[in-house]
């Protein structure tokens, strides 16, 4: 079926595992853009999940799907059966799954239906330090054996695409790189800096940096805390907010107290509108050990926020080193502390990085570009559902 305007309506089923943050935001933005082009979108995701609630608020049809994050054969097979029922009744042209688990369930559910499956890989799997060798081996075997059931793959960065090609052995012509888009209008909007700072309890004139992430392994938050002595030695009145929630919060708080930097840290929990965080800070910090893309870095650039980031997978592609961000190696607290101090103490540097970031965001992260490139992948998948010819 053609996806061009004026032709028959394309029907797309998005399949999403439990997701918040970057994946959720991507799915909502992509679905919104597809609907704007008169494409019908339905979302299958866990009942009560953020992604199902937010897409429902956008007016999209939704189907509850009990899909869990970790591998769980009994629950996964139940999800396959439930998704197969959704596909059978939906008359869909494409099933678009987001993430490894959704991709696994979707391809098993869609086999023998004739509906092509597209899978977006949002993150690295086999390169994560917190995954055991056994777990990585299971993932690799599963992906390699079930790869023929996917018509096309989308990688959100060149870094993720390299993993799909090198570690899973996927044919290059079946893997497209489509960078995430962001809601540019929301982040290009100028915010009230004084009000934003007041919400965090930080007075004007206080050097203020922040990071926003799930408080979990691979986000490098231990490195950020270990960087604070170096930062405070150079900028003694600096304050740093660690925004978010997650299983490591208790350990991180203990680590901060043991390092003697507890008073410099703020723990505001989750923030509903991250644009206000960007308005409040003098620098946004991404200390991650590994990122598939780093959506928040694209958003920070659109907001004109100076960035300090690690050279961590796709994150190094989102920013431009020494142009929109100072970039250091992951796991190096001394270099990270020095870079944050450099940005916080130099107003001119902040101005230069921020201005360049806005220009880069407008150039690379336009949501219309993302929708157009995704539609091209759909066209390839529909024309060649078994992935037997070039993209």
Protein backbone atom coordinates (compact mmCIF):
# COMPACT_ATOMS: atom_id res chain seq x y z
CA UNK A 1 0.00 0.00 0.00
CA UNK A 2 1.32 3.46 -0.88
CA UNK A 3 1.85 5.93 1.91
CA UNK A 4 1.68 9.06 -0.21
CA UNK A 5 -0.92 11.74 0.44
CA UNK A 6 -4.20 11.15 -1.35
CA UNK A 7 -3.73 7.37 -1.49
CA UNK A 8 -5.36 4.73 0.70
CA UNK A 9 -5.01 5.34 4.41
CA UNK A 10 -2.03 3.60 5.97
CA UNK A 11 -2.71 1.82 9.26
CA UNK A 12 0.22 1.46 11.66
CA UNK A 13 0.31 -0.49 14.92
CA UNK A 14 2.94 0.77 17.37
CA UNK A 15 4.07 -1.82 19.93
CA UNK A 16 5.83 -0.49 23.02
CA UNK A 17 7.17 -2.22 26.10
CA UNK A 18 6.92 -0.46 29.49
CA UNK A 19 8.58 2.84 28.59
CA UNK A 20 9.08 6.30 29.98
CA UNK A 21 11.52 9.04 29.11
CA UNK A 22 13.09 8.99 25.67
CA UNK A 23 11.23 6.05 24.12
CA UNK A 24 7.87 7.30 25.33
CA UNK A 25 8.54 10.80 24.05
CA UNK A 26 9.70 9.46 20.70
CA UNK A 27 6.60 7.29 20.22
CA UNK A 28 4.24 10.14 21.12
CA UNK A 29 5.98 12.59 18.79
CA UNK A 30 6.20 10.09 15.91
CA UNK A 31 2.55 9.10 16.28
CA UNK A 32 1.51 12.75 16.32
CA UNK A 33 3.45 13.41 13.14
CA UNK A 34 1.99 10.37 11.38
CA UNK A 35 -1.56 11.35 12.30
CA UNK A 36 -0.90 14.86 10.96
CA UNK A 37 -0.26 13.16 7.59
CA UNK A 38 -3.60 11.35 7.78
CA UNK A 39 -2.10 8.01 8.77
CA UNK A 40 -4.05 5.90 11.25
CA UNK A 41 -2.05 4.90 14.31
CA UNK A 42 -2.95 2.52 17.12
CA UNK A 43 -0.72 1.85 20.12
CA UNK A 44 -0.37 -1.45 21.97
CA UNK A 45 1.31 -0.98 25.35
CA UNK A 46 0.85 -1.96 28.99
CA UNK A 47 -2.40 -0.77 30.52
CA UNK A 48 -1.89 2.39 32.58
CA UNK A 49 1.57 2.99 31.13
CA UNK A 50 2.73 6.54 30.42
CA UNK A 51 2.94 5.88 26.69
CA UNK A 52 -0.64 4.55 26.46
CA UNK A 53 -2.00 7.41 28.56
CA UNK A 54 -0.20 10.09 26.57
CA UNK A 55 -1.09 8.68 23.16
CA UNK A 56 -4.71 8.37 24.29
CA UNK A 57 -4.57 12.06 25.24
CA UNK A 58 -3.49 12.70 21.64
CA UNK A 59 -6.69 10.98 20.47
CA UNK A 60 -5.01 7.76 19.33
CA UNK A 61 -6.63 4.36 19.64
CA UNK A 62 -4.96 2.14 22.20
CA UNK A 63 -4.96 -1.53 23.07
CA UNK A 64 -3.68 -2.70 26.46
CA UNK A 65 -0.91 -5.28 26.03
CA UNK A 66 0.66 -6.99 29.03
CA UNK A 67 4.26 -6.85 27.83
CA UNK A 68 7.05 -6.82 30.42
CA UNK A 69 10.60 -5.51 30.16
CA UNK A 70 12.75 -8.50 31.21
CA UNK A 71 12.70 -11.81 29.36
CA UNK A 72 9.90 -13.97 30.79
CA UNK A 73 8.86 -16.89 28.54
CA UNK A 74 5.37 -17.45 30.05
CA UNK A 75 4.49 -13.74 30.00
CA UNK A 76 6.15 -13.18 26.64
CA UNK A 77 4.16 -15.97 24.96
CA UNK A 78 0.96 -14.60 26.48
CA UNK A 79 1.86 -11.19 25.05
CA UNK A 80 2.51 -12.78 21.64
CA UNK A 81 -0.96 -14.37 21.64
CA UNK A 82 -2.64 -11.15 22.75
CA UNK A 83 -0.81 -9.08 20.15
CA UNK A 84 -1.66 -11.60 17.43
CA UNK A 85 -5.35 -11.05 18.25
CA UNK A 86 -4.88 -7.28 17.95
CA UNK A 87 -3.14 -7.66 14.58
CA UNK A 88 -5.80 -10.05 13.26
CA UNK A 89 -8.64 -7.64 13.96
CA UNK A 90 -6.84 -4.44 13.00
CA UNK A 91 -6.19 -4.64 9.25
CA UNK A 92 -2.78 -3.05 9.76
CA UNK A 93 -0.28 -2.36 7.01
CA UNK A 94 2.79 -2.13 9.29
CA UNK A 95 3.61 -3.25 12.81
CA UNK A 96 6.23 -0.90 14.25
CA UNK A 97 7.84 -2.16 17.46
CA UNK A 98 10.04 -0.04 19.71
CA UNK A 99 12.86 -1.72 21.60
CA UNK A 100 14.21 -5.26 21.85
CA UNK A 101 11.37 -6.80 23.87
CA UNK A 102 8.59 -5.23 21.81
CA UNK A 103 10.46 -6.30 18.67
CA UNK A 104 10.67 -9.88 19.90
CA UNK A 105 6.96 -10.08 20.73
CA UNK A 106 5.85 -8.24 17.59
CA UNK A 107 7.73 -10.40 15.10
CA UNK A 108 6.46 -13.62 16.67
CA UNK A 109 2.91 -12.28 16.72
CA UNK A 110 3.00 -11.00 13.14
CA UNK A 111 4.57 -14.03 11.48
CA UNK A 112 2.28 -15.70 8.97
CA UNK A 113 -0.04 -12.67 8.98
CA UNK A 114 1.59 -11.01 5.99
CA UNK A 115 1.97 -7.76 7.95
CA UNK A 116 5.57 -6.49 7.79
CA UNK A 117 7.37 -5.68 11.02
CA UNK A 118 9.64 -2.67 11.53
CA UNK A 119 11.72 -2.57 14.72
CA UNK A 120 13.33 0.57 16.11
CA UNK A 121 16.44 -0.06 18.22
CA UNK A 122 16.59 2.82 20.69
CA UNK A 123 19.46 1.61 22.85
CA UNK A 124 22.51 -0.58 22.96
CA UNK A 125 21.97 -4.03 24.42
CA UNK A 126 25.09 -6.12 23.90
CA UNK A 127 27.43 -3.30 24.90
CA UNK A 128 25.84 -2.64 28.29
CA UNK A 129 28.24 -3.28 31.15
CA UNK A 130 25.42 -4.24 33.55
CA UNK A 131 24.27 -7.18 31.37
CA UNK A 132 25.89 -10.52 32.14
CA UNK A 133 27.65 -12.47 29.38
CA UNK A 134 24.92 -15.11 29.61
CA UNK A 135 22.17 -12.53 29.13
CA UNK A 136 23.98 -11.00 26.17
CA UNK A 137 24.42 -14.43 24.61
CA UNK A 138 20.69 -15.09 24.91
CA UNK A 139 19.86 -11.74 23.31
CA UNK A 140 22.34 -12.33 20.48
CA UNK A 141 21.01 -15.80 19.70
CA UNK A 142 17.41 -14.59 19.79
CA UNK A 143 18.07 -11.68 17.46
CA UNK A 144 20.11 -13.68 14.98
CA UNK A 145 17.59 -16.54 14.77
CA UNK A 146 14.54 -14.27 14.49
CA UNK A 147 16.08 -11.59 12.26
CA UNK A 148 14.34 -12.92 9.10
CA UNK A 149 10.98 -12.01 10.67
CA UNK A 150 11.83 -8.29 10.59
CA UNK A 151 11.34 -6.50 7.29
CA UNK A 152 13.32 -3.40 8.25
CA UNK A 153 15.21 -2.07 11.27
CA UNK A 154 15.56 1.54 12.35
CA UNK A 155 18.57 2.58 14.41
CA UNK A 156 18.34 5.96 16.16
CA UNK A 157 22.08 6.62 15.74
CA UNK A 158 25.07 5.40 13.78
CA UNK A 159 26.38 3.90 17.01
CA UNK A 160 23.29 1.72 17.45
CA UNK A 161 23.32 0.83 13.74
CA UNK A 162 26.91 -0.41 14.12
CA UNK A 163 25.82 -2.71 16.93
CA UNK A 164 23.01 -4.16 14.81
CA UNK A 165 25.38 -4.80 11.93
CA UNK A 166 28.45 -5.97 13.84
CA UNK A 167 26.96 -7.84 16.80
CA UNK A 168 23.78 -9.24 15.25
CA UNK A 169 25.03 -9.65 11.70
CA UNK A 170 22.06 -7.88 10.10
CA UNK A 171 22.27 -7.02 6.38
CA UNK A 172 23.17 -3.33 5.97
CA UNK A 173 20.42 -2.73 3.41
CA UNK A 174 17.79 -3.65 5.98
CA UNK A 175 18.98 -1.23 8.69
CA UNK A 176 18.20 2.47 8.29
CA UNK A 177 19.49 5.21 10.54
CA UNK A 178 16.72 7.64 11.45
CA UNK A 179 17.70 10.17 14.09
CA UNK A 180 15.05 11.05 16.64
CA UNK A 181 13.19 14.29 16.27
CA UNK A 182 12.10 16.54 19.11
CA UNK A 183 9.26 18.97 19.72
CA UNK A 184 11.33 21.93 18.58
CA UNK A 185 8.67 24.56 19.22
CA UNK A 186 8.46 23.63 22.89
CA UNK A 187 12.20 23.91 23.49
CA UNK A 188 12.91 26.91 21.30
CA UNK A 189 10.41 28.89 23.36
CA UNK A 190 12.10 31.27 25.79
CA UNK A 191 11.29 30.47 29.43
CA UNK A 192 11.22 32.61 32.58
CA UNK A 193 14.65 31.89 34.06
CA UNK A 194 13.93 33.48 37.44
CA UNK A 195 10.74 31.46 37.92
CA UNK A 196 12.45 28.28 36.77
CA UNK A 197 15.28 28.78 39.25
CA UNK A 198 12.85 29.55 42.04
CA UNK A 199 11.14 26.21 41.45
CA UNK A 200 14.44 24.50 42.26
CA UNK A 201 15.24 26.83 45.15
CA UNK A 202 18.32 28.21 43.42
CA UNK A 203 18.98 31.95 43.55
CA UNK A 204 20.13 33.92 40.53
CA UNK A 205 23.91 34.15 40.44
CA UNK A 206 24.48 30.67 41.91
CA UNK A 207 26.33 28.44 39.39
CA UNK A 208 23.83 25.69 38.65
CA UNK A 209 24.17 22.46 36.65
CA UNK A 210 21.87 19.47 36.38
CA UNK A 211 21.34 16.09 34.84
CA UNK A 212 18.04 14.28 34.24
CA UNK A 213 17.96 10.50 34.00
CA UNK A 214 16.58 7.33 35.45
CA UNK A 215 18.74 6.69 38.49
CA UNK A 216 20.04 3.39 37.19
CA UNK A 217 23.27 1.78 35.96
CA UNK A 218 24.86 3.00 32.70
CA UNK A 219 23.75 6.60 33.38
CA UNK A 220 27.12 7.35 34.98
CA UNK A 221 25.67 9.10 38.03
CA UNK A 222 28.38 7.70 40.29
CA UNK A 223 30.92 9.44 38.05
CA UNK A 224 29.00 12.70 38.38
CA UNK A 225 29.06 12.51 42.17
CA UNK A 226 32.75 11.61 42.13
CA UNK A 227 33.35 14.66 39.90
CA UNK A 228 31.89 17.09 42.44
CA UNK A 229 35.03 17.52 44.60
CA UNK A 230 36.91 18.68 41.49
CA UNK A 231 34.05 20.97 40.52
CA UNK A 232 33.66 22.47 44.01
CA UNK A 233 37.38 23.09 44.32
CA UNK A 234 37.12 25.42 41.31
CA UNK A 235 33.54 26.67 41.79
CA UNK A 236 32.84 26.39 45.53
CA UNK A 237 29.28 27.75 45.42
CA UNK A 238 28.11 25.47 42.59
CA UNK A 239 24.93 23.46 42.94
CA UNK A 240 24.05 20.34 40.94
CA UNK A 241 20.61 18.77 40.59
CA UNK A 242 20.16 15.06 39.90
CA UNK A 243 16.66 14.94 38.43
CA UNK A 244 14.78 11.66 38.25
CA UNK A 245 13.93 8.52 40.17
CA UNK A 246 15.26 4.99 40.15
CA UNK A 247 16.76 2.07 42.05
CA UNK A 248 20.15 3.69 42.69
CA UNK A 249 18.87 6.77 44.49
CA UNK A 250 19.68 5.51 48.00
CA UNK A 251 23.17 4.38 47.05
CA UNK A 252 23.86 7.66 45.24
CA UNK A 253 22.79 9.73 48.26
CA UNK A 254 25.07 7.68 50.53
CA UNK A 255 27.94 8.09 48.06
CA UNK A 256 27.45 11.86 48.01
CA UNK A 257 27.51 12.13 51.80
CA UNK A 258 30.59 9.91 52.04
CA UNK A 259 32.34 12.13 49.47
CA UNK A 260 31.46 15.24 51.47
CA UNK A 261 29.44 16.80 48.62
CA UNK A 262 25.92 16.19 49.88
CA UNK A 263 25.17 19.86 50.50
CA UNK A 264 25.95 20.77 46.89
CA UNK A 265 23.37 18.34 45.51
CA UNK A 266 19.64 18.78 44.90
CA UNK A 267 17.29 15.81 44.49
CA UNK A 268 14.05 17.16 43.00
CA UNK A 269 12.71 13.80 41.78
CA UNK A 270 10.87 13.72 38.49
CA UNK A 271 10.26 17.01 36.68
CA UNK A 272 7.14 17.29 34.56
CA UNK A 273 8.43 19.93 32.14
CA UNK A 274 12.12 19.49 31.43
CA UNK A 275 12.11 22.75 29.48
CA UNK A 276 11.95 24.59 32.81
CA UNK A 277 15.03 22.69 33.97
CA UNK A 278 16.95 23.85 30.89
CA UNK A 279 15.83 27.44 31.60
CA UNK A 280 17.08 27.23 35.18
CA UNK A 281 20.57 25.78 34.70
CA UNK A 282 23.86 27.20 33.48
CA UNK A 283 24.91 23.79 32.14
CA UNK A 284 23.29 20.47 31.40
CA UNK A 285 25.44 17.43 32.22
CA UNK A 286 25.21 13.95 30.69
CA UNK A 287 27.65 11.61 32.49
CA UNK A 288 26.33 8.42 30.83
CA UNK A 289 28.47 5.37 30.24
CA UNK A 290 26.41 4.39 27.18
CA UNK A 291 23.54 6.01 25.25
CA UNK A 292 21.73 4.83 22.17
CA UNK A 293 20.86 8.40 21.27
CA UNK A 294 20.47 10.82 24.18
CA UNK A 295 17.19 12.57 23.42
CA UNK A 296 17.59 14.96 26.32
CA UNK A 297 20.81 16.28 24.73
CA UNK A 298 18.92 17.19 21.57
CA UNK A 299 16.31 18.94 23.70
CA UNK A 300 18.92 20.80 25.73
CA UNK A 301 20.54 22.09 22.56
CA UNK A 302 17.19 23.34 21.24
CA UNK A 303 16.73 25.20 24.51
CA UNK A 304 20.11 26.86 24.06
CA UNK A 305 21.57 25.17 27.13
CA UNK A 306 25.36 24.63 27.28
CA UNK A 307 26.23 20.96 27.63
CA UNK A 308 28.91 18.81 29.22
CA UNK A 309 28.64 15.23 27.96
CA UNK A 310 30.54 11.99 27.79
CA UNK A 311 31.63 10.33 24.58
CA UNK A 312 29.06 7.57 25.12
CA UNK A 313 27.64 5.84 22.07
CA UNK A 314 25.01 7.86 20.25
CA UNK A 315 25.34 10.79 22.65
CA UNK A 316 28.57 11.80 20.92
CA UNK A 317 26.61 12.09 17.66
CA UNK A 318 23.83 14.23 19.11
CA UNK A 319 26.16 17.01 20.29
CA UNK A 320 29.07 18.54 18.39
CA UNK A 321 32.25 18.42 20.42
CA UNK A 322 33.68 21.83 21.35
CA UNK A 323 30.87 23.50 19.39
CA UNK A 324 27.67 22.73 21.33
CA UNK A 325 29.25 20.77 24.18
CA UNK A 326 32.42 19.98 26.06
CA UNK A 327 32.92 16.24 25.73
CA UNK A 328 34.94 13.92 27.99
CA UNK A 329 35.46 10.18 28.22
CA UNK A 330 32.93 8.16 30.26
CA UNK A 331 33.99 7.19 33.76
CA UNK A 332 36.53 10.01 34.23
CA UNK A 333 35.34 12.11 37.20
CA UNK A 334 38.31 14.47 37.11
CA UNK A 335 37.76 15.40 33.46
CA UNK A 336 34.02 15.69 34.02
CA UNK A 337 34.46 17.98 37.03
CA UNK A 338 36.93 20.17 35.14
CA UNK A 339 34.58 20.48 32.15
CA UNK A 340 31.57 21.42 34.30
CA UNK A 341 33.68 24.00 36.16
CA UNK A 342 34.87 25.45 32.86
CA UNK A 343 31.31 25.98 31.61
CA UNK A 344 29.96 27.30 34.92
CA UNK A 345 32.76 29.82 35.31
CA UNK A 346 32.81 31.23 31.76
CA UNK A 347 29.69 33.17 30.65
CA UNK A 348 31.04 33.72 27.15
CA UNK A 349 31.60 29.99 26.65
CA UNK A 350 28.04 29.29 27.80
CA UNK A 351 26.72 31.82 25.28
CA UNK A 352 28.71 30.33 22.41
CA UNK A 353 27.77 26.72 23.20
CA UNK A 354 24.10 27.61 23.69
CA UNK A 355 23.75 29.51 20.43
CA UNK A 356 25.44 26.75 18.47
CA UNK A 357 23.21 24.18 20.14
CA UNK A 358 20.04 25.89 18.97
CA UNK A 359 21.29 25.94 15.39
CA UNK A 360 22.26 22.26 15.52
CA UNK A 361 18.89 21.23 16.96
CA UNK A 362 16.98 23.04 14.23
CA UNK A 363 19.18 21.49 11.56
CA UNK A 364 19.18 17.87 12.76
CA UNK A 365 16.20 17.17 15.01
CA UNK A 366 13.20 18.46 13.08
CA UNK A 367 10.28 16.07 13.80
CA UNK A 368 8.99 16.37 10.22
CA UNK A 369 12.29 14.99 8.97
CA UNK A 370 11.96 12.03 11.35
CA UNK A 371 8.41 11.30 10.16
CA UNK A 372 9.41 11.52 6.48
CA UNK A 373 12.35 9.15 6.94
CA UNK A 374 10.24 6.72 8.97
CA UNK A 375 7.58 6.67 6.27
CA UNK A 376 10.27 5.79 3.73
CA UNK A 377 11.18 2.78 5.89
CA UNK A 378 7.50 1.76 6.02
CA UNK A 379 7.33 1.93 2.22
CA UNK A 380 10.37 -0.33 1.94
CA UNK A 381 8.90 -2.79 4.46
CA UNK A 382 5.55 -2.94 2.67
CA UNK A 383 7.20 -3.40 -0.72
CA UNK A 384 9.56 -6.07 0.62
CA UNK A 385 8.03 -7.61 3.78
CA UNK A 386 10.54 -10.48 3.94
CA UNK A 387 13.51 -8.13 3.69
CA UNK A 388 14.86 -9.89 0.65
CA UNK A 389 15.92 -6.86 -1.41
CA UNK A 390 17.83 -3.65 -0.87
CA UNK A 391 16.35 -0.70 1.03
